């Protein structure tokens, strides 16, 4: 099977035209028509075998994870998905692997209304790069730099589940909830759109809560105070680990792809009403403060500073 037969068999599952004026797979470029008054949101992420996922990862789960973690970037900006491109490097043409991967990818592309718009295939060590494209009204995108001192810090869902799921995967434990949270995170696209005009800043939690909160603080020129004991832990984590381990996964583990956002206190009631309408749990975990030398302080239930001995994920940390 040559490259073009591979594309035709496994990656022609999206419609050639979307909304009448978007051209997808099959030509030299994809074409997107963007309405007046909107910005194009673009994010690219690379996943490498042995770095971002186990080499023997099930292809269907890998496909869902790959698309969902990229859609989470659109969610963090308050953007609505338009489509995505996939550049995939394969060690060989494995029909069974490709069928599992492309079937699951097509399912999620349909589920999240995010069609495949093109990409590339090549031979080599297994890796994939996805570029997602979205649309957001001008001046309504959620940025990292908009927080103000006194804003509350919120997170969606529960934290630490993906790190706990990876622990289960690596140790051979079976926990369906935690493994699902690792392989199939939920991109909070509806949350991001609902936060337009309410949240002052936002990002998704990919590298660990404390590291990601520090990104918000740095971009906004502020400090942040996080109440460790306010961090929402799932019943699944509490069932398999002591609180200290659960909080460690939440603070440093990463890969949750929940949203972390800052909110002016006067918007609290409107935000809570919007989240209730969507059916998403949100929890206040801290506040933004004037910068005083520390980007992030983490406090325990007594208000004492928690010693931070770990940090979030960094590809190039030596």
C-alpha atoms as a PDB file:
ATOM      1  CA  UNK A   1       0.000   0.000   0.000  1.00  0.00           C
ATOM      2  CA  UNK A   2       1.422   3.383  -0.962  1.00  0.00           C
ATOM      3  CA  UNK A   3       0.962   6.702   0.866  1.00  0.00           C
ATOM      4  CA  UNK A   4      -2.003   7.842  -1.197  1.00  0.00           C
ATOM      5  CA  UNK A   5      -3.826   4.542  -0.828  1.00  0.00           C
ATOM      6  CA  UNK A   6      -3.221   4.736   2.935  1.00  0.00           C
ATOM      7  CA  UNK A   7      -4.739   8.229   3.107  1.00  0.00           C
ATOM      8  CA  UNK A   8      -7.668   7.247   0.946  1.00  0.00           C
ATOM      9  CA  UNK A   9      -8.456   4.131   2.966  1.00  0.00           C
ATOM     10  CA  UNK A  10      -7.993   5.414   6.517  1.00  0.00           C
ATOM     11  CA  UNK A  11      -8.209   9.208   6.534  1.00  0.00           C
ATOM     12  CA  UNK A  12     -10.987  10.196   4.145  1.00  0.00           C
ATOM     13  CA  UNK A  13     -13.685   9.980   6.798  1.00  0.00           C
ATOM     14  CA  UNK A  14     -14.465  13.724   6.971  1.00  0.00           C
ATOM     15  CA  UNK A  15     -16.783  15.506   4.589  1.00  0.00           C
ATOM     16  CA  UNK A  16     -15.027  17.229   1.680  1.00  0.00           C
ATOM     17  CA  UNK A  17     -16.960  20.419   2.410  1.00  0.00           C
ATOM     18  CA  UNK A  18     -18.024  21.727   5.797  1.00  0.00           C
ATOM     19  CA  UNK A  19     -20.702  24.432   6.185  1.00  0.00           C
ATOM     20  CA  UNK A  20     -20.700  24.989   2.448  1.00  0.00           C
ATOM     21  CA  UNK A  21     -17.408  26.871   2.212  1.00  0.00           C
ATOM     22  CA  UNK A  22     -14.724  24.823   3.916  1.00  0.00           C
ATOM     23  CA  UNK A  23     -12.674  22.442   1.788  1.00  0.00           C
ATOM     24  CA  UNK A  24     -11.033  19.525   3.572  1.00  0.00           C
ATOM     25  CA  UNK A  25      -9.025  16.425   2.661  1.00  0.00           C
ATOM     26  CA  UNK A  26      -8.114  15.862  -0.973  1.00  0.00           C
ATOM     27  CA  UNK A  27      -6.536  19.077  -2.257  1.00  0.00           C
ATOM     28  CA  UNK A  28      -3.172  20.731  -1.728  1.00  0.00           C
ATOM     29  CA  UNK A  29      -4.575  23.003   0.980  1.00  0.00           C
ATOM     30  CA  UNK A  30      -7.650  23.191   3.151  1.00  0.00           C
ATOM     31  CA  UNK A  31      -9.847  26.254   2.662  1.00  0.00           C
ATOM     32  CA  UNK A  32     -11.634  27.945   5.552  1.00  0.00           C
ATOM     33  CA  UNK A  33     -14.189  30.726   5.331  1.00  0.00           C
ATOM     34  CA  UNK A  34     -14.221  32.779   8.518  1.00  0.00           C
ATOM     35  CA  UNK A  35     -17.161  35.097   9.222  1.00  0.00           C
ATOM     36  CA  UNK A  36     -16.514  38.790   9.787  1.00  0.00           C
ATOM     37  CA  UNK A  37     -15.899  39.704  13.393  1.00  0.00           C
ATOM     38  CA  UNK A  38     -14.183  36.441  14.328  1.00  0.00           C
ATOM     39  CA  UNK A  39     -10.594  35.419  14.985  1.00  0.00           C
ATOM     40  CA  UNK A  40      -9.025  32.147  13.864  1.00  0.00           C
ATOM     41  CA  UNK A  41      -7.620  30.214  16.844  1.00  0.00           C
ATOM     42  CA  UNK A  42      -4.795  27.777  16.015  1.00  0.00           C
ATOM     43  CA  UNK A  43      -2.890  25.333  18.209  1.00  0.00           C
ATOM     44  CA  UNK A  44      -0.354  22.622  17.362  1.00  0.00           C
ATOM     45  CA  UNK A  45       0.750  19.721  19.543  1.00  0.00           C
ATOM     46  CA  UNK A  46       3.128  16.832  18.901  1.00  0.00           C
ATOM     47  CA  UNK A  47       2.802  13.414  20.519  1.00  0.00           C
ATOM     48  CA  UNK A  48       5.789  11.064  20.434  1.00  0.00           C
ATOM     49  CA  UNK A  49       5.787   7.354  21.238  1.00  0.00           C
ATOM     50  CA  UNK A  50       7.590   6.648  24.496  1.00  0.00           C
ATOM     51  CA  UNK A  51       7.387  10.297  25.563  1.00  0.00           C
ATOM     52  CA  UNK A  52       3.693  11.203  25.486  1.00  0.00           C
ATOM     53  CA  UNK A  53       2.210   7.720  25.330  1.00  0.00           C
ATOM     54  CA  UNK A  54       3.369   4.117  25.822  1.00  0.00           C
ATOM     55  CA  UNK A  55       4.765   2.482  22.703  1.00  0.00           C
ATOM     56  CA  UNK A  56       2.110  -0.247  22.928  1.00  0.00           C
ATOM     57  CA  UNK A  57      -0.794   2.180  23.384  1.00  0.00           C
ATOM     58  CA  UNK A  58      -4.092   0.874  21.938  1.00  0.00           C
ATOM     59  CA  UNK A  59      -4.570   2.766  18.654  1.00  0.00           C
ATOM     60  CA  UNK A  60      -8.212   3.702  19.288  1.00  0.00           C
ATOM     61  CA  UNK A  61      -7.475   5.198  22.697  1.00  0.00           C
ATOM     62  CA  UNK A  62      -4.402   6.951  21.321  1.00  0.00           C
ATOM     63  CA  UNK A  63      -6.461   8.577  18.562  1.00  0.00           C
ATOM     64  CA  UNK A  64      -9.049   9.884  21.006  1.00  0.00           C
ATOM     65  CA  UNK A  65      -6.414  11.213  23.381  1.00  0.00           C
ATOM     66  CA  UNK A  66      -4.502  12.910  20.565  1.00  0.00           C
ATOM     67  CA  UNK A  67      -7.501  14.856  19.308  1.00  0.00           C
ATOM     68  CA  UNK A  68      -8.981  15.645  22.712  1.00  0.00           C
ATOM     69  CA  UNK A  69      -5.826  17.132  24.241  1.00  0.00           C
ATOM     70  CA  UNK A  70      -5.609  19.470  21.261  1.00  0.00           C
ATOM     71  CA  UNK A  71      -9.273  20.433  21.468  1.00  0.00           C
ATOM     72  CA  UNK A  72      -8.588  21.358  25.091  1.00  0.00           C
ATOM     73  CA  UNK A  73      -6.378  24.213  23.839  1.00  0.00           C
ATOM     74  CA  UNK A  74      -9.328  25.613  21.876  1.00  0.00           C
ATOM     75  CA  UNK A  75     -11.522  25.237  24.961  1.00  0.00           C
ATOM     76  CA  UNK A  76      -9.030  27.237  27.025  1.00  0.00           C
ATOM     77  CA  UNK A  77      -9.363  30.139  24.577  1.00  0.00           C
ATOM     78  CA  UNK A  78     -13.154  29.966  24.416  1.00  0.00           C
ATOM     79  CA  UNK A  79     -12.987  28.897  20.763  1.00  0.00           C
ATOM     80  CA  UNK A  80     -15.391  26.730  18.784  1.00  0.00           C
ATOM     81  CA  UNK A  81     -13.685  23.938  16.744  1.00  0.00           C
ATOM     82  CA  UNK A  82     -13.525  24.306  12.960  1.00  0.00           C
ATOM     83  CA  UNK A  83     -11.361  21.301  12.119  1.00  0.00           C
ATOM     84  CA  UNK A  84      -7.914  19.773  12.487  1.00  0.00           C
ATOM     85  CA  UNK A  85      -4.932  18.570  10.497  1.00  0.00           C
ATOM     86  CA  UNK A  86      -2.919  15.455  11.243  1.00  0.00           C
ATOM     87  CA  UNK A  87       0.695  14.747  10.341  1.00  0.00           C
ATOM     88  CA  UNK A  88       1.451  11.167  11.331  1.00  0.00           C
ATOM     89  CA  UNK A  89       4.701   9.222  11.160  1.00  0.00           C
ATOM     90  CA  UNK A  90       4.318   5.435  11.043  1.00  0.00           C
ATOM     91  CA  UNK A  91       6.982   2.735  11.351  1.00  0.00           C
ATOM     92  CA  UNK A  92       5.024   0.514   8.935  1.00  0.00           C
ATOM     93  CA  UNK A  93       1.614   0.087   7.333  1.00  0.00           C
ATOM     94  CA  UNK A  94      -0.239  -2.006   9.901  1.00  0.00           C
ATOM     95  CA  UNK A  95      -3.812  -2.409   8.666  1.00  0.00           C
ATOM     96  CA  UNK A  96      -5.207  -3.503  12.035  1.00  0.00           C
ATOM     97  CA  UNK A  97      -3.540  -0.602  13.873  1.00  0.00           C
ATOM     98  CA  UNK A  98      -4.609   1.945  11.256  1.00  0.00           C
ATOM     99  CA  UNK A  99      -8.183   0.711  11.233  1.00  0.00           C
ATOM    100  CA  UNK A 100      -8.449   1.047  15.023  1.00  0.00           C
ATOM    101  CA  UNK A 101      -6.805   4.470  14.994  1.00  0.00           C
ATOM    102  CA  UNK A 102      -8.792   5.965  12.103  1.00  0.00           C
ATOM    103  CA  UNK A 103     -12.144   4.554  13.290  1.00  0.00           C
ATOM    104  CA  UNK A 104     -11.743   6.095  16.740  1.00  0.00           C
ATOM    105  CA  UNK A 105     -10.447   9.354  15.279  1.00  0.00           C
ATOM    106  CA  UNK A 106     -13.481   9.579  13.002  1.00  0.00           C
ATOM    107  CA  UNK A 107     -15.805   8.962  15.963  1.00  0.00           C
ATOM    108  CA  UNK A 108     -14.333  11.816  17.974  1.00  0.00           C
ATOM    109  CA  UNK A 109     -14.134  14.130  14.965  1.00  0.00           C
ATOM    110  CA  UNK A 110     -17.882  13.650  14.610  1.00  0.00           C
ATOM    111  CA  UNK A 111     -18.559  13.848  18.356  1.00  0.00           C
ATOM    112  CA  UNK A 112     -16.782  17.194  18.711  1.00  0.00           C
ATOM    113  CA  UNK A 113     -17.812  18.527  15.289  1.00  0.00           C
ATOM    114  CA  UNK A 114     -14.164  18.902  14.321  1.00  0.00           C
ATOM    115  CA  UNK A 115     -13.523  17.387  10.861  1.00  0.00           C
ATOM    116  CA  UNK A 116     -10.146  16.315   9.522  1.00  0.00           C
ATOM    117  CA  UNK A 117      -8.967  18.968   7.038  1.00  0.00           C
ATOM    118  CA  UNK A 118      -5.769  17.394   5.786  1.00  0.00           C
ATOM    119  CA  UNK A 119      -2.221  16.652   6.906  1.00  0.00           C
ATOM    120  CA  UNK A 120       0.665  14.393   5.973  1.00  0.00           C
ATOM    121  CA  UNK A 121       1.933  10.842   6.342  1.00  0.00           C
ATOM    122  CA  UNK A 122       5.520   9.626   6.429  1.00  0.00           C
ATOM    123  CA  UNK A 123       7.571   6.632   7.553  1.00  0.00           C
ATOM    124  CA  UNK A 124       9.578   6.590  10.770  1.00  0.00           C
ATOM    125  CA  UNK A 125       9.216   6.217  14.541  1.00  0.00           C
ATOM    126  CA  UNK A 126       5.584   6.564  15.629  1.00  0.00           C
ATOM    127  CA  UNK A 127       4.666  10.208  16.238  1.00  0.00           C
ATOM    128  CA  UNK A 128       1.820  12.524  15.344  1.00  0.00           C
ATOM    129  CA  UNK A 129       1.346  16.262  15.157  1.00  0.00           C
ATOM    130  CA  UNK A 130      -2.157  17.697  15.259  1.00  0.00           C
ATOM    131  CA  UNK A 131      -3.088  21.275  14.436  1.00  0.00           C
ATOM    132  CA  UNK A 132      -6.551  22.314  15.570  1.00  0.00           C
ATOM    133  CA  UNK A 133      -8.360  25.349  14.244  1.00  0.00           C
ATOM    134  CA  UNK A 134     -11.223  27.169  15.882  1.00  0.00           C
ATOM    135  CA  UNK A 135     -13.210  30.371  15.754  1.00  0.00           C
ATOM    136  CA  UNK A 136     -13.828  32.908  18.477  1.00  0.00           C
ATOM    137  CA  UNK A 137     -15.522  36.335  18.359  1.00  0.00           C
ATOM    138  CA  UNK A 138     -13.076  39.233  18.219  1.00  0.00           C
ATOM    139  CA  UNK A 139     -12.076  40.544  21.648  1.00  0.00           C
ATOM    140  CA  UNK A 140     -13.776  37.586  23.368  1.00  0.00           C
ATOM    141  CA  UNK A 141     -10.916  35.071  23.455  1.00  0.00           C
ATOM    142  CA  UNK A 142      -9.815  33.937  26.915  1.00  0.00           C
ATOM    143  CA  UNK A 143      -6.160  34.868  27.401  1.00  0.00           C
ATOM    144  CA  UNK A 144      -3.668  34.038  30.137  1.00  0.00           C
ATOM    145  CA  UNK A 145      -2.837  37.686  30.694  1.00  0.00           C
ATOM    146  CA  UNK A 146      -6.138  39.181  31.855  1.00  0.00           C
ATOM    147  CA  UNK A 147      -6.246  38.277  35.559  1.00  0.00           C
ATOM    148  CA  UNK A 148      -6.474  41.005  38.191  1.00  0.00           C
ATOM    149  CA  UNK A 149      -5.522  40.972  41.868  1.00  0.00           C
ATOM    150  CA  UNK A 150      -8.515  39.762  43.856  1.00  0.00           C
ATOM    151  CA  UNK A 151      -9.801  37.471  41.113  1.00  0.00           C
ATOM    152  CA  UNK A 152     -10.806  33.987  42.245  1.00  0.00           C
ATOM    153  CA  UNK A 153      -9.077  30.929  40.776  1.00  0.00           C
ATOM    154  CA  UNK A 154     -11.358  28.104  39.646  1.00  0.00           C
ATOM    155  CA  UNK A 155     -10.876  24.670  38.127  1.00  0.00           C
ATOM    156  CA  UNK A 156     -13.336  22.417  36.351  1.00  0.00           C
ATOM    157  CA  UNK A 157     -13.872  18.762  37.233  1.00  0.00           C
ATOM    158  CA  UNK A 158     -11.476  16.858  39.476  1.00  0.00           C
ATOM    159  CA  UNK A 159      -7.690  16.951  39.309  1.00  0.00           C
ATOM    160  CA  UNK A 160      -4.983  14.312  39.492  1.00  0.00           C
ATOM    161  CA  UNK A 161      -7.061  11.631  37.772  1.00  0.00           C
ATOM    162  CA  UNK A 162      -4.873  11.408  34.664  1.00  0.00           C
ATOM    163  CA  UNK A 163      -1.671  11.092  36.688  1.00  0.00           C
ATOM    164  CA  UNK A 164      -3.338   8.433  38.826  1.00  0.00           C
ATOM    165  CA  UNK A 165      -4.505   6.696  35.657  1.00  0.00           C
ATOM    166  CA  UNK A 166      -0.966   6.688  34.278  1.00  0.00           C
ATOM    167  CA  UNK A 167       0.216   5.242  37.601  1.00  0.00           C
ATOM    168  CA  UNK A 168      -2.369   2.461  37.221  1.00  0.00           C
ATOM    169  CA  UNK A 169      -1.292   1.854  33.638  1.00  0.00           C
ATOM    170  CA  UNK A 170       2.388   1.616  34.550  1.00  0.00           C
ATOM    171  CA  UNK A 171       1.797  -0.544  37.636  1.00  0.00           C
ATOM    172  CA  UNK A 172      -0.691  -2.906  35.986  1.00  0.00           C
ATOM    173  CA  UNK A 173      -3.619  -1.859  38.160  1.00  0.00           C
ATOM    174  CA  UNK A 174      -7.156  -1.821  36.777  1.00  0.00           C
ATOM    175  CA  UNK A 175      -9.278   1.237  37.452  1.00  0.00           C
ATOM    176  CA  UNK A 176     -11.631   2.024  34.587  1.00  0.00           C
ATOM    177  CA  UNK A 177     -12.470   5.551  35.747  1.00  0.00           C
ATOM    178  CA  UNK A 178      -8.858   6.667  36.153  1.00  0.00           C
ATOM    179  CA  UNK A 179      -7.685   4.963  32.965  1.00  0.00           C
ATOM    180  CA  UNK A 180     -10.509   6.648  31.039  1.00  0.00           C
ATOM    181  CA  UNK A 181      -9.479   9.990  32.495  1.00  0.00           C
ATOM    182  CA  UNK A 182      -5.954   9.418  31.179  1.00  0.00           C
ATOM    183  CA  UNK A 183      -6.868   8.113  27.736  1.00  0.00           C
ATOM    184  CA  UNK A 184     -10.036  10.112  27.074  1.00  0.00           C
ATOM    185  CA  UNK A 185      -9.934  13.551  28.720  1.00  0.00           C
ATOM    186  CA  UNK A 186     -12.968  15.742  28.134  1.00  0.00           C
ATOM    187  CA  UNK A 187     -12.155  18.965  26.277  1.00  0.00           C
ATOM    188  CA  UNK A 188     -14.230  21.652  28.021  1.00  0.00           C
ATOM    189  CA  UNK A 189     -15.258  23.454  24.833  1.00  0.00           C
ATOM    190  CA  UNK A 190     -18.706  24.373  26.161  1.00  0.00           C
ATOM    191  CA  UNK A 191     -17.159  25.753  29.345  1.00  0.00           C
ATOM    192  CA  UNK A 192     -14.709  27.931  27.448  1.00  0.00           C
ATOM    193  CA  UNK A 193     -17.455  29.442  25.328  1.00  0.00           C
ATOM    194  CA  UNK A 194     -19.659  30.026  28.383  1.00  0.00           C
ATOM    195  CA  UNK A 195     -16.821  31.854  30.160  1.00  0.00           C
ATOM    196  CA  UNK A 196     -16.534  34.519  27.467  1.00  0.00           C
ATOM    197  CA  UNK A 197     -17.233  37.862  29.091  1.00  0.00           C
ATOM    198  CA  UNK A 198     -17.047  36.346  32.589  1.00  0.00           C
ATOM    199  CA  UNK A 199     -13.561  34.898  33.164  1.00  0.00           C
ATOM    200  CA  UNK A 200     -10.587  37.248  33.140  1.00  0.00           C
ATOM    201  CA  UNK A 201      -7.991  34.610  32.163  1.00  0.00           C
ATOM    202  CA  UNK A 202      -7.857  30.890  31.444  1.00  0.00           C
ATOM    203  CA  UNK A 203      -5.732  27.943  30.350  1.00  0.00           C
ATOM    204  CA  UNK A 204      -5.993  24.177  30.353  1.00  0.00           C
ATOM    205  CA  UNK A 205      -4.206  22.051  32.930  1.00  0.00           C
ATOM    206  CA  UNK A 206      -1.667  20.009  30.994  1.00  0.00           C
ATOM    207  CA  UNK A 207       1.606  20.326  32.925  1.00  0.00           C
ATOM    208  CA  UNK A 208       0.355  20.169  36.525  1.00  0.00           C
ATOM    209  CA  UNK A 209      -1.824  22.637  38.422  1.00  0.00           C
ATOM    210  CA  UNK A 210       0.934  24.635  40.122  1.00  0.00           C
ATOM    211  CA  UNK A 211       2.995  25.045  36.976  1.00  0.00           C
ATOM    212  CA  UNK A 212      -0.043  26.058  34.939  1.00  0.00           C
ATOM    213  CA  UNK A 213      -1.249  28.533  37.582  1.00  0.00           C
ATOM    214  CA  UNK A 214       2.253  30.023  37.495  1.00  0.00           C
ATOM    215  CA  UNK A 215       1.798  30.581  33.744  1.00  0.00           C
ATOM    216  CA  UNK A 216      -1.376  32.591  34.465  1.00  0.00           C
ATOM    217  CA  UNK A 217       0.357  34.547  37.198  1.00  0.00           C
ATOM    218  CA  UNK A 218       3.408  35.353  35.096  1.00  0.00           C
ATOM    219  CA  UNK A 219       1.357  36.396  32.072  1.00  0.00           C
ATOM    220  CA  UNK A 220      -0.800  38.662  34.243  1.00  0.00           C
ATOM    221  CA  UNK A 221       2.090  40.124  36.255  1.00  0.00           C
ATOM    222  CA  UNK A 222       0.646  38.789  39.522  1.00  0.00           C
ATOM    223  CA  UNK A 223       1.076  36.161  42.182  1.00  0.00           C
ATOM    224  CA  UNK A 224      -1.362  33.383  43.051  1.00  0.00           C
ATOM    225  CA  UNK A 225      -2.360  31.679  46.284  1.00  0.00           C
ATOM    226  CA  UNK A 226      -3.693  28.120  46.000  1.00  0.00           C
ATOM    227  CA  UNK A 227      -5.548  26.349  48.824  1.00  0.00           C
ATOM    228  CA  UNK A 228      -4.310  22.770  48.517  1.00  0.00           C
ATOM    229  CA  UNK A 229      -7.199  21.302  50.483  1.00  0.00           C
ATOM    230  CA  UNK A 230      -9.755  22.965  48.221  1.00  0.00           C
ATOM    231  CA  UNK A 231      -8.444  21.055  45.205  1.00  0.00           C
ATOM    232  CA  UNK A 232     -11.165  18.629  44.078  1.00  0.00           C
ATOM    233  CA  UNK A 233     -10.069  14.980  44.172  1.00  0.00           C
ATOM    234  CA  UNK A 234     -12.239  12.234  42.724  1.00  0.00           C
ATOM    235  CA  UNK A 235     -13.669   9.379  44.765  1.00  0.00           C
ATOM    236  CA  UNK A 236     -11.535   7.069  42.603  1.00  0.00           C
ATOM    237  CA  UNK A 237      -8.314   8.738  43.769  1.00  0.00           C
ATOM    238  CA  UNK A 238      -9.427   8.788  47.397  1.00  0.00           C
ATOM    239  CA  UNK A 239     -10.126   5.050  47.145  1.00  0.00           C
ATOM    240  CA  UNK A 240      -6.609   4.099  46.024  1.00  0.00           C
ATOM    241  CA  UNK A 241      -4.330   6.684  47.641  1.00  0.00           C
ATOM    242  CA  UNK A 242      -3.750   8.736  50.783  1.00  0.00           C
ATOM    243  CA  UNK A 243      -4.650  12.443  50.523  1.00  0.00           C
ATOM    244  CA  UNK A 244      -0.978  13.496  50.259  1.00  0.00           C
ATOM    245  CA  UNK A 245      -0.504  11.315  47.186  1.00  0.00           C
ATOM    246  CA  UNK A 246      -3.783  12.519  45.681  1.00  0.00           C
ATOM    247  CA  UNK A 247      -2.796  16.165  46.121  1.00  0.00           C
ATOM    248  CA  UNK A 248       0.641  15.428  44.668  1.00  0.00           C
ATOM    249  CA  UNK A 249      -0.942  13.979  41.516  1.00  0.00           C
ATOM    250  CA  UNK A 250      -3.244  16.998  41.271  1.00  0.00           C
ATOM    251  CA  UNK A 251      -0.537  19.606  41.866  1.00  0.00           C
ATOM    252  CA  UNK A 252       2.227  18.145  39.727  1.00  0.00           C
ATOM    253  CA  UNK A 253       0.899  15.271  37.604  1.00  0.00           C
ATOM    254  CA  UNK A 254      -0.578  17.077  34.617  1.00  0.00           C
ATOM    255  CA  UNK A 255      -2.568  15.651  31.702  1.00  0.00           C
ATOM    256  CA  UNK A 256      -5.952  16.419  33.300  1.00  0.00           C
ATOM    257  CA  UNK A 257      -6.957  18.876  30.548  1.00  0.00           C
ATOM    258  CA  UNK A 258      -9.452  20.511  32.841  1.00  0.00           C
ATOM    259  CA  UNK A 259      -9.711  24.302  32.657  1.00  0.00           C
ATOM    260  CA  UNK A 260      -8.220  26.667  35.206  1.00  0.00           C
ATOM    261  CA  UNK A 261      -9.639  30.188  35.050  1.00  0.00           C
ATOM    262  CA  UNK A 262      -9.684  33.405  37.023  1.00  0.00           C
ATOM    263  CA  UNK A 263     -12.911  35.216  37.779  1.00  0.00           C
ATOM    264  CA  UNK A 264     -13.752  38.675  39.123  1.00  0.00           C
ATOM    265  CA  UNK A 265     -15.860  38.108  42.273  1.00  0.00           C
ATOM    266  CA  UNK A 266     -18.786  40.079  40.835  1.00  0.00           C
ATOM    267  CA  UNK A 267     -19.168  37.473  38.080  1.00  0.00           C
ATOM    268  CA  UNK A 268     -19.400  34.527  40.461  1.00  0.00           C
ATOM    269  CA  UNK A 269     -23.198  34.113  40.421  1.00  0.00           C
ATOM    270  CA  UNK A 270     -23.406  34.388  36.620  1.00  0.00           C
ATOM    271  CA  UNK A 271     -20.565  31.900  36.180  1.00  0.00           C
ATOM    272  CA  UNK A 272     -22.083  29.381  38.574  1.00  0.00           C
ATOM    273  CA  UNK A 273     -25.416  29.649  36.768  1.00  0.00           C
ATOM    274  CA  UNK A 274     -23.701  29.079  33.404  1.00  0.00           C
ATOM    275  CA  UNK A 275     -21.792  26.041  34.706  1.00  0.00           C
ATOM    276  CA  UNK A 276     -24.943  24.575  36.239  1.00  0.00           C
ATOM    277  CA  UNK A 277     -26.660  24.876  32.865  1.00  0.00           C
ATOM    278  CA  UNK A 278     -23.805  22.944  31.228  1.00  0.00           C
ATOM    279  CA  UNK A 279     -23.607  20.433  34.069  1.00  0.00           C
ATOM    280  CA  UNK A 280     -19.915  20.922  34.831  1.00  0.00           C
ATOM    281  CA  UNK A 281     -18.451  20.960  38.341  1.00  0.00           C
ATOM    282  CA  UNK A 282     -16.318  24.008  39.188  1.00  0.00           C
ATOM    283  CA  UNK A 283     -14.348  24.612  42.380  1.00  0.00           C
ATOM    284  CA  UNK A 284     -12.728  27.767  43.756  1.00  0.00           C
ATOM    285  CA  UNK A 285      -9.156  26.858  44.779  1.00  0.00           C
ATOM    286  CA  UNK A 286      -7.489  30.197  45.404  1.00  0.00           C
ATOM    287  CA  UNK A 287      -7.070  33.824  44.393  1.00  0.00           C
ATOM    288  CA  UNK A 288      -4.795  36.126  42.462  1.00  0.00           C
ATOM    289  CA  UNK A 289      -2.699  38.543  44.531  1.00  0.00           C
ATOM    290  CA  UNK A 290      -0.142  41.294  43.851  1.00  0.00           C
ATOM    291  CA  UNK A 291       3.234  39.826  42.966  1.00  0.00           C
ATOM    292  CA  UNK A 292       5.420  39.582  46.043  1.00  0.00           C
ATOM    293  CA  UNK A 293       8.333  37.456  44.911  1.00  0.00           C
ATOM    294  CA  UNK A 294       6.552  34.111  44.492  1.00  0.00           C
ATOM    295  CA  UNK A 295       4.467  33.347  41.447  1.00  0.00           C
ATOM    296  CA  UNK A 296       2.466  30.707  43.332  1.00  0.00           C
ATOM    297  CA  UNK A 297       2.036  29.958  47.024  1.00  0.00           C
ATOM    298  CA  UNK A 298       0.348  26.726  48.064  1.00  0.00           C
ATOM    299  CA  UNK A 299      -1.240  26.705  51.538  1.00  0.00           C
ATOM    300  CA  UNK A 300      -2.507  23.832  53.674  1.00  0.00           C
ATOM    301  CA  UNK A 301      -5.676  23.754  55.795  1.00  0.00           C
ATOM    302  CA  UNK A 302      -3.955  25.787  58.544  1.00  0.00           C
ATOM    303  CA  UNK A 303      -2.850  28.476  56.130  1.00  0.00           C
ATOM    304  CA  UNK A 304       0.773  27.348  56.300  1.00  0.00           C
ATOM    305  CA  UNK A 305       2.877  27.241  53.163  1.00  0.00           C
ATOM    306  CA  UNK A 306       3.230  23.779  51.668  1.00  0.00           C
ATOM    307  CA  UNK A 307       6.787  22.884  50.737  1.00  0.00           C
ATOM    308  CA  UNK A 308       6.866  22.426  46.986  1.00  0.00           C
ATOM    309  CA  UNK A 309       9.430  19.756  46.139  1.00  0.00           C
ATOM    310  CA  UNK A 310       8.215  18.907  42.671  1.00  0.00           C
ATOM    311  CA  UNK A 311       7.190  20.854  39.623  1.00  0.00           C
ATOM    312  CA  UNK A 312       5.134  20.239  36.520  1.00  0.00           C
ATOM    313  CA  UNK A 313       6.228  18.562  33.317  1.00  0.00           C
ATOM    314  CA  UNK A 314       9.043  20.086  31.260  1.00  0.00           C
ATOM    315  CA  UNK A 315      10.387  18.291  28.164  1.00  0.00           C
ATOM    316  CA  UNK A 316      13.866  19.753  28.490  1.00  0.00           C
ATOM    317  CA  UNK A 317      14.428  19.787  32.241  1.00  0.00           C
ATOM    318  CA  UNK A 318      17.797  18.154  32.893  1.00  0.00           C
END
